[in-house]
N, C-alpha and C. Protein backbone atom coordinates (compact mmCIF):
# COMPACT_ATOMS: atom_id res chain seq x y z
N MET A 1 -88.50 -44.49 16.64
CA MET A 1 -88.31 -43.22 17.33
C MET A 1 -87.97 -42.14 16.29
N ASP A 2 -88.67 -41.02 16.39
CA ASP A 2 -88.39 -39.88 15.51
C ASP A 2 -87.05 -39.28 15.91
N ARG A 3 -86.14 -39.17 14.96
CA ARG A 3 -84.79 -38.69 15.29
C ARG A 3 -84.77 -37.24 15.73
N HIS A 4 -85.84 -36.50 15.49
CA HIS A 4 -85.90 -35.10 15.90
C HIS A 4 -86.89 -34.87 17.04
N ALA A 5 -87.34 -35.92 17.67
CA ALA A 5 -88.31 -35.77 18.75
C ALA A 5 -87.68 -35.06 19.94
N SER A 6 -88.42 -34.12 20.51
CA SER A 6 -87.92 -33.42 21.70
C SER A 6 -88.15 -34.24 22.96
N HIS A 7 -89.09 -35.19 22.92
CA HIS A 7 -89.40 -36.04 24.06
C HIS A 7 -89.56 -37.48 23.58
N VAL A 8 -89.11 -38.43 24.39
CA VAL A 8 -89.28 -39.85 24.08
C VAL A 8 -90.11 -40.49 25.20
N GLU A 9 -90.98 -41.40 24.80
CA GLU A 9 -91.82 -42.07 25.78
C GLU A 9 -91.02 -43.18 26.45
N VAL A 10 -90.85 -43.09 27.76
CA VAL A 10 -90.07 -44.07 28.52
C VAL A 10 -90.97 -45.07 29.25
N ALA A 11 -92.22 -44.75 29.39
CA ALA A 11 -93.24 -45.62 29.96
C ALA A 11 -94.57 -45.07 29.45
N PRO A 12 -95.63 -45.86 29.49
CA PRO A 12 -96.91 -45.33 28.98
C PRO A 12 -97.28 -44.01 29.65
N GLY A 13 -97.38 -42.97 28.83
CA GLY A 13 -97.76 -41.65 29.32
C GLY A 13 -96.66 -40.88 30.04
N VAL A 14 -95.44 -41.41 30.05
CA VAL A 14 -94.31 -40.75 30.71
C VAL A 14 -93.26 -40.42 29.65
N PHE A 15 -92.91 -39.12 29.57
CA PHE A 15 -92.01 -38.67 28.52
C PHE A 15 -90.76 -38.03 29.13
N LEU A 16 -89.62 -38.31 28.53
CA LEU A 16 -88.34 -37.77 28.95
C LEU A 16 -87.89 -36.76 27.90
N GLU A 17 -87.55 -35.55 28.36
CA GLU A 17 -87.06 -34.54 27.43
C GLU A 17 -85.72 -34.98 26.88
N ARG A 18 -85.52 -34.79 25.59
CA ARG A 18 -84.28 -35.18 24.93
C ARG A 18 -83.70 -33.94 24.28
N MET A 19 -82.44 -33.70 24.55
CA MET A 19 -81.76 -32.54 23.95
C MET A 19 -80.65 -33.03 23.04
N GLY A 20 -80.54 -32.44 21.91
CA GLY A 20 -79.42 -32.70 21.02
C GLY A 20 -79.56 -33.97 20.21
N LEU A 21 -78.77 -34.01 19.15
CA LEU A 21 -78.80 -35.12 18.21
C LEU A 21 -77.63 -36.06 18.47
N PHE A 22 -77.90 -37.35 18.39
CA PHE A 22 -76.82 -38.33 18.40
C PHE A 22 -76.23 -38.40 16.99
N PHE A 23 -75.04 -38.98 16.88
CA PHE A 23 -74.36 -39.10 15.60
C PHE A 23 -75.28 -39.70 14.53
N GLU A 24 -76.02 -40.74 14.90
CA GLU A 24 -76.89 -41.42 13.93
C GLU A 24 -78.01 -40.51 13.41
N ASP A 25 -78.38 -39.51 14.19
CA ASP A 25 -79.48 -38.61 13.82
C ASP A 25 -79.08 -37.55 12.80
N VAL A 26 -77.79 -37.29 12.70
CA VAL A 26 -77.29 -36.22 11.84
C VAL A 26 -77.22 -36.70 10.40
N VAL A 27 -77.72 -35.87 9.48
CA VAL A 27 -77.74 -36.22 8.05
C VAL A 27 -77.04 -35.11 7.27
N VAL A 28 -76.08 -35.51 6.44
CA VAL A 28 -75.38 -34.55 5.60
C VAL A 28 -76.38 -33.83 4.70
N GLY A 29 -76.26 -32.52 4.63
CA GLY A 29 -77.13 -31.70 3.80
C GLY A 29 -78.28 -31.06 4.57
N GLU A 30 -78.58 -31.56 5.76
CA GLU A 30 -79.64 -30.95 6.55
C GLU A 30 -79.14 -29.67 7.21
N THR A 31 -80.06 -28.72 7.36
CA THR A 31 -79.76 -27.44 8.00
C THR A 31 -80.60 -27.32 9.26
N TYR A 32 -79.94 -26.91 10.34
CA TYR A 32 -80.59 -26.76 11.63
C TYR A 32 -80.54 -25.30 12.05
N GLU A 33 -81.71 -24.73 12.37
CA GLU A 33 -81.77 -23.38 12.90
C GLU A 33 -81.55 -23.45 14.40
N HIS A 34 -80.71 -22.58 14.92
CA HIS A 34 -80.42 -22.54 16.35
C HIS A 34 -81.23 -21.41 16.97
N ARG A 35 -82.29 -21.78 17.64
CA ARG A 35 -83.20 -20.81 18.23
C ARG A 35 -83.23 -20.99 19.74
N PRO A 36 -83.54 -19.98 20.52
CA PRO A 36 -83.93 -18.65 20.08
C PRO A 36 -82.73 -17.83 19.64
N GLY A 37 -82.99 -16.67 19.09
CA GLY A 37 -81.93 -15.75 18.74
C GLY A 37 -81.35 -15.12 20.00
N LYS A 38 -80.33 -14.32 19.82
CA LYS A 38 -79.66 -13.67 20.95
C LYS A 38 -79.56 -12.18 20.68
N THR A 39 -80.09 -11.37 21.62
CA THR A 39 -79.97 -9.92 21.54
C THR A 39 -78.83 -9.47 22.42
N PHE A 40 -77.93 -8.67 21.87
CA PHE A 40 -76.75 -8.20 22.59
C PHE A 40 -77.00 -6.81 23.16
N THR A 41 -76.47 -6.57 24.35
CA THR A 41 -76.50 -5.23 24.94
C THR A 41 -75.07 -4.71 25.03
N ALA A 42 -74.93 -3.40 25.11
CA ALA A 42 -73.61 -2.79 25.25
C ALA A 42 -72.98 -3.22 26.57
N GLU A 43 -73.75 -3.23 27.64
CA GLU A 43 -73.22 -3.59 28.96
C GLU A 43 -72.69 -5.01 28.98
N GLU A 44 -73.46 -5.93 28.43
CA GLU A 44 -73.03 -7.33 28.36
C GLU A 44 -71.74 -7.47 27.57
N SER A 45 -71.69 -6.82 26.41
CA SER A 45 -70.50 -6.92 25.57
C SER A 45 -69.27 -6.36 26.28
N MET A 46 -69.43 -5.20 26.93
CA MET A 46 -68.30 -4.60 27.63
C MET A 46 -67.84 -5.51 28.78
N THR A 47 -68.78 -6.08 29.52
CA THR A 47 -68.43 -6.96 30.64
C THR A 47 -67.64 -8.17 30.16
N HIS A 48 -68.13 -8.84 29.13
CA HIS A 48 -67.44 -10.04 28.63
C HIS A 48 -66.09 -9.68 28.00
N THR A 49 -66.02 -8.54 27.36
CA THR A 49 -64.76 -8.10 26.77
C THR A 49 -63.71 -7.86 27.85
N LEU A 50 -64.10 -7.17 28.91
CA LEU A 50 -63.16 -6.92 30.01
C LEU A 50 -62.77 -8.20 30.74
N ARG A 51 -63.71 -9.14 30.88
CA ARG A 51 -63.38 -10.43 31.51
C ARG A 51 -62.34 -11.19 30.70
N ALA A 52 -62.34 -10.98 29.42
CA ALA A 52 -61.36 -11.63 28.55
C ALA A 52 -60.04 -10.86 28.52
N LEU A 53 -59.93 -9.84 29.38
CA LEU A 53 -58.73 -8.99 29.50
C LEU A 53 -58.45 -8.18 28.24
N GLU A 54 -59.48 -7.94 27.44
CA GLU A 54 -59.38 -7.06 26.28
C GLU A 54 -59.78 -5.67 26.75
N GLN A 55 -58.93 -4.68 26.47
CA GLN A 55 -59.19 -3.34 27.00
C GLN A 55 -59.30 -2.28 25.91
N THR A 56 -59.55 -2.68 24.69
CA THR A 56 -59.70 -1.73 23.60
C THR A 56 -60.84 -0.77 23.91
N PRO A 57 -60.57 0.53 23.99
CA PRO A 57 -61.63 1.48 24.36
C PRO A 57 -62.86 1.45 23.45
N ALA A 58 -62.67 1.18 22.18
CA ALA A 58 -63.81 1.16 21.26
C ALA A 58 -64.80 0.06 21.61
N LEU A 59 -64.34 -0.97 22.36
CA LEU A 59 -65.21 -2.08 22.74
C LEU A 59 -65.61 -2.04 24.22
N THR A 60 -64.94 -1.19 25.01
CA THR A 60 -65.16 -1.25 26.46
C THR A 60 -65.54 0.08 27.11
N ASP A 61 -65.53 1.16 26.36
CA ASP A 61 -65.74 2.48 26.95
C ASP A 61 -66.78 3.25 26.15
N LEU A 62 -67.99 3.37 26.69
CA LEU A 62 -69.06 4.07 25.97
C LEU A 62 -68.71 5.53 25.71
N HIS A 63 -68.03 6.19 26.66
CA HIS A 63 -67.67 7.60 26.48
C HIS A 63 -66.70 7.75 25.31
N PHE A 64 -65.71 6.89 25.22
CA PHE A 64 -64.77 6.91 24.09
C PHE A 64 -65.52 6.69 22.79
N HIS A 65 -66.39 5.71 22.80
CA HIS A 65 -67.13 5.34 21.60
C HIS A 65 -68.02 6.49 21.13
N HIS A 66 -68.72 7.12 22.05
CA HIS A 66 -69.62 8.22 21.67
C HIS A 66 -68.85 9.47 21.25
N ARG A 67 -67.69 9.72 21.88
CA ARG A 67 -66.87 10.88 21.47
C ARG A 67 -66.39 10.71 20.03
N ALA A 68 -66.20 9.47 19.62
CA ALA A 68 -65.76 9.21 18.24
C ALA A 68 -66.93 9.35 17.26
N GLY A 69 -68.13 9.61 17.79
CA GLY A 69 -69.29 9.84 16.92
C GLY A 69 -69.98 8.57 16.48
N HIS A 70 -69.71 7.46 17.15
CA HIS A 70 -70.32 6.19 16.76
C HIS A 70 -71.47 5.84 17.70
N ASP A 71 -72.48 5.23 17.14
CA ASP A 71 -73.59 4.74 17.94
C ASP A 71 -74.31 3.71 17.11
N PRO A 72 -74.63 2.60 17.56
CA PRO A 72 -74.37 2.03 18.88
C PRO A 72 -73.01 1.33 18.95
N LEU A 73 -72.69 0.83 20.14
CA LEU A 73 -71.42 0.18 20.40
C LEU A 73 -71.31 -1.15 19.64
N PRO A 74 -70.16 -1.41 18.99
CA PRO A 74 -69.97 -2.73 18.36
C PRO A 74 -69.72 -3.78 19.44
N VAL A 75 -70.22 -4.97 19.22
CA VAL A 75 -70.03 -6.09 20.14
C VAL A 75 -68.71 -6.78 19.77
N ASN A 76 -67.95 -7.15 20.78
CA ASN A 76 -66.68 -7.84 20.56
C ASN A 76 -66.93 -9.08 19.69
N PRO A 77 -66.26 -9.21 18.54
CA PRO A 77 -66.48 -10.37 17.66
C PRO A 77 -66.22 -11.72 18.33
N LEU A 78 -65.25 -11.78 19.25
CA LEU A 78 -65.00 -13.05 19.93
C LEU A 78 -66.14 -13.42 20.86
N HIS A 79 -66.80 -12.42 21.43
CA HIS A 79 -67.99 -12.68 22.23
C HIS A 79 -69.12 -13.20 21.34
N VAL A 80 -69.24 -12.64 20.15
CA VAL A 80 -70.24 -13.12 19.18
C VAL A 80 -69.98 -14.58 18.85
N LEU A 81 -68.71 -14.94 18.59
CA LEU A 81 -68.37 -16.33 18.26
C LEU A 81 -68.69 -17.26 19.43
N ALA A 82 -68.41 -16.83 20.65
CA ALA A 82 -68.73 -17.66 21.83
C ALA A 82 -70.24 -17.87 21.95
N VAL A 83 -71.00 -16.82 21.72
CA VAL A 83 -72.46 -16.94 21.80
C VAL A 83 -72.97 -17.86 20.70
N LEU A 84 -72.44 -17.75 19.50
CA LEU A 84 -72.86 -18.64 18.41
C LEU A 84 -72.58 -20.09 18.75
N THR A 85 -71.44 -20.34 19.36
CA THR A 85 -71.11 -21.70 19.78
C THR A 85 -72.12 -22.20 20.80
N GLY A 86 -72.48 -21.35 21.73
CA GLY A 86 -73.49 -21.72 22.72
C GLY A 86 -74.85 -21.97 22.08
N MET A 87 -75.20 -21.17 21.08
CA MET A 87 -76.48 -21.36 20.40
C MET A 87 -76.57 -22.72 19.73
N MET A 88 -75.43 -23.23 19.28
CA MET A 88 -75.39 -24.53 18.61
C MET A 88 -75.56 -25.69 19.59
N THR A 89 -75.38 -25.43 20.86
CA THR A 89 -75.32 -26.49 21.86
C THR A 89 -76.63 -27.27 21.98
N LYS A 90 -77.78 -26.62 21.86
CA LYS A 90 -79.03 -27.37 21.96
C LYS A 90 -79.15 -28.40 20.84
N THR A 91 -78.72 -28.04 19.66
CA THR A 91 -78.81 -28.96 18.53
C THR A 91 -77.75 -30.04 18.62
N PHE A 92 -76.53 -29.65 18.88
CA PHE A 92 -75.40 -30.60 18.88
C PHE A 92 -74.87 -30.78 20.30
N SER A 93 -75.77 -31.09 21.26
CA SER A 93 -75.36 -31.16 22.65
C SER A 93 -74.74 -32.49 23.05
N ARG A 94 -74.68 -33.43 22.16
CA ARG A 94 -74.07 -34.74 22.46
C ARG A 94 -72.58 -34.72 22.13
N ILE A 95 -71.97 -33.57 22.30
CA ILE A 95 -70.58 -33.36 21.89
C ILE A 95 -69.61 -33.98 22.88
N VAL A 96 -68.63 -34.69 22.34
CA VAL A 96 -67.50 -35.20 23.12
C VAL A 96 -66.41 -34.14 23.14
N ALA A 97 -66.13 -33.56 21.97
CA ALA A 97 -65.05 -32.57 21.87
C ALA A 97 -65.23 -31.70 20.63
N ASN A 98 -64.80 -30.46 20.75
CA ASN A 98 -64.68 -29.60 19.59
C ASN A 98 -63.31 -29.90 18.97
N LEU A 99 -63.28 -30.24 17.72
CA LEU A 99 -62.02 -30.59 17.07
C LEU A 99 -61.41 -29.42 16.31
N ALA A 100 -62.24 -28.55 15.78
CA ALA A 100 -61.68 -27.42 15.02
C ALA A 100 -62.75 -26.40 14.70
N TRP A 101 -62.32 -25.16 14.63
CA TRP A 101 -63.06 -24.08 13.99
C TRP A 101 -62.15 -23.64 12.85
N LYS A 102 -62.70 -23.42 11.68
CA LYS A 102 -61.88 -22.90 10.60
C LYS A 102 -62.71 -21.99 9.72
N ASN A 103 -61.99 -21.19 8.96
CA ASN A 103 -62.62 -20.22 8.05
C ASN A 103 -63.61 -19.32 8.78
N VAL A 104 -63.23 -18.90 9.98
CA VAL A 104 -64.08 -17.96 10.74
C VAL A 104 -63.96 -16.60 10.08
N LYS A 105 -65.10 -16.05 9.68
CA LYS A 105 -65.11 -14.74 9.03
C LYS A 105 -66.19 -13.87 9.65
N PHE A 106 -65.82 -12.66 10.01
CA PHE A 106 -66.76 -11.66 10.50
C PHE A 106 -67.03 -10.72 9.33
N HIS A 107 -68.24 -10.75 8.83
CA HIS A 107 -68.59 -10.01 7.62
C HIS A 107 -69.04 -8.59 7.90
N GLY A 108 -69.37 -8.32 9.12
CA GLY A 108 -69.81 -6.99 9.52
C GLY A 108 -70.02 -7.00 11.01
N PRO A 109 -70.09 -5.83 11.60
CA PRO A 109 -70.21 -5.78 13.06
C PRO A 109 -71.60 -6.19 13.55
N VAL A 110 -71.61 -6.78 14.74
CA VAL A 110 -72.84 -6.93 15.50
C VAL A 110 -72.85 -5.72 16.42
N LEU A 111 -73.94 -5.00 16.43
CA LEU A 111 -74.04 -3.78 17.23
C LEU A 111 -74.95 -4.01 18.43
N ALA A 112 -74.69 -3.30 19.50
CA ALA A 112 -75.55 -3.37 20.68
C ALA A 112 -76.99 -3.14 20.22
N GLY A 113 -77.87 -4.03 20.65
CA GLY A 113 -79.27 -3.97 20.23
C GLY A 113 -79.62 -4.94 19.12
N ASP A 114 -78.61 -5.45 18.42
CA ASP A 114 -78.86 -6.44 17.37
C ASP A 114 -79.24 -7.77 17.98
N THR A 115 -80.16 -8.46 17.32
CA THR A 115 -80.47 -9.85 17.63
C THR A 115 -79.90 -10.69 16.50
N ILE A 116 -79.12 -11.72 16.86
CA ILE A 116 -78.58 -12.59 15.81
C ILE A 116 -79.26 -13.94 15.86
N TYR A 117 -79.33 -14.55 14.69
CA TYR A 117 -79.88 -15.89 14.51
C TYR A 117 -78.85 -16.69 13.74
N ALA A 118 -78.74 -17.98 14.07
CA ALA A 118 -77.74 -18.81 13.42
C ALA A 118 -78.37 -20.08 12.89
N GLU A 119 -77.72 -20.63 11.87
CA GLU A 119 -78.10 -21.93 11.35
C GLU A 119 -76.85 -22.66 10.89
N SER A 120 -76.89 -23.98 11.01
CA SER A 120 -75.75 -24.81 10.62
C SER A 120 -76.21 -25.88 9.65
N THR A 121 -75.43 -26.06 8.59
CA THR A 121 -75.67 -27.12 7.62
C THR A 121 -74.59 -28.17 7.79
N VAL A 122 -75.00 -29.43 7.88
CA VAL A 122 -74.05 -30.53 8.01
C VAL A 122 -73.43 -30.77 6.64
N VAL A 123 -72.10 -30.64 6.56
CA VAL A 123 -71.41 -30.80 5.28
C VAL A 123 -70.63 -32.11 5.17
N GLU A 124 -70.36 -32.73 6.32
CA GLU A 124 -69.61 -33.98 6.30
C GLU A 124 -69.91 -34.76 7.58
N LYS A 125 -69.84 -36.09 7.46
CA LYS A 125 -70.10 -36.96 8.61
C LYS A 125 -69.35 -38.26 8.38
N ARG A 126 -68.66 -38.73 9.44
CA ARG A 126 -68.00 -40.04 9.35
C ARG A 126 -67.84 -40.63 10.74
N GLU A 127 -67.81 -41.94 10.83
CA GLU A 127 -67.57 -42.59 12.10
C GLU A 127 -66.12 -42.38 12.50
N SER A 128 -65.88 -42.26 13.79
CA SER A 128 -64.52 -42.13 14.29
C SER A 128 -63.79 -43.45 14.13
N LYS A 129 -62.57 -43.37 13.64
CA LYS A 129 -61.75 -44.58 13.47
C LYS A 129 -61.14 -45.02 14.80
N SER A 130 -60.94 -44.10 15.71
CA SER A 130 -60.25 -44.42 16.96
C SER A 130 -61.18 -44.48 18.17
N ARG A 131 -62.43 -44.04 18.02
CA ARG A 131 -63.36 -44.00 19.15
C ARG A 131 -64.68 -44.67 18.77
N PRO A 132 -64.80 -45.97 19.04
CA PRO A 132 -66.05 -46.66 18.72
C PRO A 132 -67.24 -46.00 19.41
N GLY A 133 -68.36 -45.93 18.72
CA GLY A 133 -69.56 -45.33 19.30
C GLY A 133 -69.60 -43.82 19.19
N GLN A 134 -68.63 -43.23 18.49
CA GLN A 134 -68.59 -41.80 18.30
C GLN A 134 -68.34 -41.49 16.82
N GLY A 135 -68.71 -40.30 16.42
CA GLY A 135 -68.52 -39.90 15.03
C GLY A 135 -68.11 -38.45 14.93
N ILE A 136 -67.66 -38.09 13.75
CA ILE A 136 -67.18 -36.73 13.49
C ILE A 136 -68.12 -36.09 12.48
N ILE A 137 -68.60 -34.89 12.84
CA ILE A 137 -69.41 -34.13 11.88
C ILE A 137 -68.75 -32.78 11.64
N GLN A 138 -68.94 -32.27 10.45
CA GLN A 138 -68.48 -30.93 10.12
C GLN A 138 -69.69 -30.14 9.68
N VAL A 139 -69.84 -28.95 10.27
CA VAL A 139 -70.97 -28.08 9.94
C VAL A 139 -70.46 -26.73 9.44
N ALA A 140 -71.25 -26.12 8.59
CA ALA A 140 -71.00 -24.74 8.13
C ALA A 140 -72.08 -23.89 8.77
N THR A 141 -71.67 -22.91 9.56
CA THR A 141 -72.61 -22.09 10.31
C THR A 141 -72.63 -20.67 9.76
N THR A 142 -73.82 -20.11 9.71
CA THR A 142 -74.04 -18.75 9.24
C THR A 142 -74.85 -18.00 10.29
N ALA A 143 -74.45 -16.77 10.57
CA ALA A 143 -75.19 -15.93 11.52
C ALA A 143 -75.60 -14.63 10.83
N ARG A 144 -76.85 -14.27 11.05
CA ARG A 144 -77.40 -13.03 10.50
C ARG A 144 -78.11 -12.26 11.60
N THR A 145 -78.18 -10.96 11.41
CA THR A 145 -78.93 -10.12 12.35
C THR A 145 -80.42 -10.25 12.06
N HIS A 146 -81.22 -9.69 12.96
CA HIS A 146 -82.68 -9.71 12.83
C HIS A 146 -83.16 -9.11 11.52
N ASP A 147 -82.37 -8.22 10.93
CA ASP A 147 -82.76 -7.62 9.65
C ASP A 147 -82.08 -8.29 8.45
N GLY A 148 -81.46 -9.46 8.69
CA GLY A 148 -80.91 -10.25 7.59
C GLY A 148 -79.47 -9.96 7.22
N ARG A 149 -78.82 -9.06 7.92
CA ARG A 149 -77.43 -8.71 7.60
C ARG A 149 -76.49 -9.84 8.03
N LEU A 150 -75.66 -10.34 7.09
CA LEU A 150 -74.69 -11.39 7.37
C LEU A 150 -73.60 -10.84 8.28
N VAL A 151 -73.35 -11.52 9.42
CA VAL A 151 -72.32 -11.03 10.34
C VAL A 151 -71.20 -12.02 10.58
N CYS A 152 -71.44 -13.33 10.45
CA CYS A 152 -70.38 -14.29 10.74
C CYS A 152 -70.66 -15.61 10.03
N THR A 153 -69.58 -16.24 9.54
CA THR A 153 -69.64 -17.60 9.01
C THR A 153 -68.43 -18.35 9.52
N PHE A 154 -68.58 -19.65 9.70
CA PHE A 154 -67.44 -20.49 10.07
C PHE A 154 -67.80 -21.95 9.85
N GLU A 155 -66.76 -22.77 9.85
CA GLU A 155 -66.91 -24.22 9.81
C GLU A 155 -66.43 -24.76 11.15
N ARG A 156 -67.12 -25.76 11.63
CA ARG A 156 -66.76 -26.35 12.92
C ARG A 156 -66.79 -27.87 12.78
N THR A 157 -65.77 -28.52 13.31
CA THR A 157 -65.70 -29.97 13.31
C THR A 157 -65.88 -30.45 14.74
N ILE A 158 -66.80 -31.41 14.92
CA ILE A 158 -67.23 -31.83 16.25
C ILE A 158 -67.17 -33.36 16.35
N LEU A 159 -66.65 -33.85 17.46
CA LEU A 159 -66.72 -35.28 17.79
C LEU A 159 -67.98 -35.45 18.63
N ILE A 160 -68.86 -36.37 18.22
CA ILE A 160 -70.19 -36.48 18.84
C ILE A 160 -70.49 -37.93 19.20
N TYR A 161 -71.20 -38.11 20.30
CA TYR A 161 -71.56 -39.46 20.76
C TYR A 161 -72.59 -40.09 19.83
N GLY A 162 -72.50 -41.42 19.71
CA GLY A 162 -73.54 -42.20 19.05
C GLY A 162 -74.62 -42.54 20.06
N ARG A 163 -75.75 -43.02 19.55
CA ARG A 163 -76.87 -43.37 20.42
C ARG A 163 -76.44 -44.44 21.42
N GLY A 164 -76.85 -44.23 22.69
CA GLY A 164 -76.52 -45.19 23.74
C GLY A 164 -75.14 -44.96 24.34
N GLN A 165 -74.41 -43.98 23.87
CA GLN A 165 -73.06 -43.69 24.36
C GLN A 165 -73.10 -42.42 25.22
N GLY A 166 -72.10 -42.24 26.04
CA GLY A 166 -71.98 -41.02 26.83
C GLY A 166 -72.70 -41.13 28.16
N PRO A 167 -72.72 -40.03 28.91
CA PRO A 167 -73.24 -40.03 30.28
C PRO A 167 -74.74 -39.79 30.40
N TYR A 168 -75.46 -39.78 29.30
CA TYR A 168 -76.82 -39.25 29.30
C TYR A 168 -77.82 -40.08 30.10
N GLU A 169 -77.84 -41.39 29.90
CA GLU A 169 -78.80 -42.22 30.64
C GLU A 169 -78.53 -42.18 32.13
N ALA A 170 -77.27 -42.26 32.54
CA ALA A 170 -76.93 -42.22 33.97
C ALA A 170 -77.30 -40.88 34.58
N ALA A 171 -77.25 -39.81 33.76
CA ALA A 171 -77.58 -38.47 34.26
C ALA A 171 -79.08 -38.19 34.20
N GLY A 172 -79.82 -39.10 33.57
CA GLY A 172 -81.28 -38.92 33.51
C GLY A 172 -81.77 -38.09 32.35
N TYR A 173 -80.97 -37.98 31.29
CA TYR A 173 -81.46 -37.27 30.09
C TYR A 173 -80.89 -37.87 28.83
């Protein structure tokens, strides 16, 4: 079985879509692009910012922002981080738990209208000592805008299922 196959043959001519990598599929040093990219709008950013109970006018009020002479609206960095985490989900969807985010750095603003793209490089991998059939991977993630501007970097440590583990077969995927 190809470890990167999007579909596996379960019977002659019958294919099951497969999402995400199992622990055994992950190789230190490999880089995974998380596609598609994500385009942010001012309305979306303001909505998510207010839902998080953040009320900073520069992030939630277009009139305030435009009176200050700025255009376009900056996207809340925490919303950017949440979206980046979601973008990683297709690649690393066999996750048991997020263990850590560290060295999170915002290198520049994401602005309304920007499309961001992310990629993660596997920097470490080891079997879990306390959870048989699961392993721990550490990835370094980089996000850039459509024009190549670096906007965010971070490291994330993830506990991930091994092949044949987790709820996937019972759930039909």
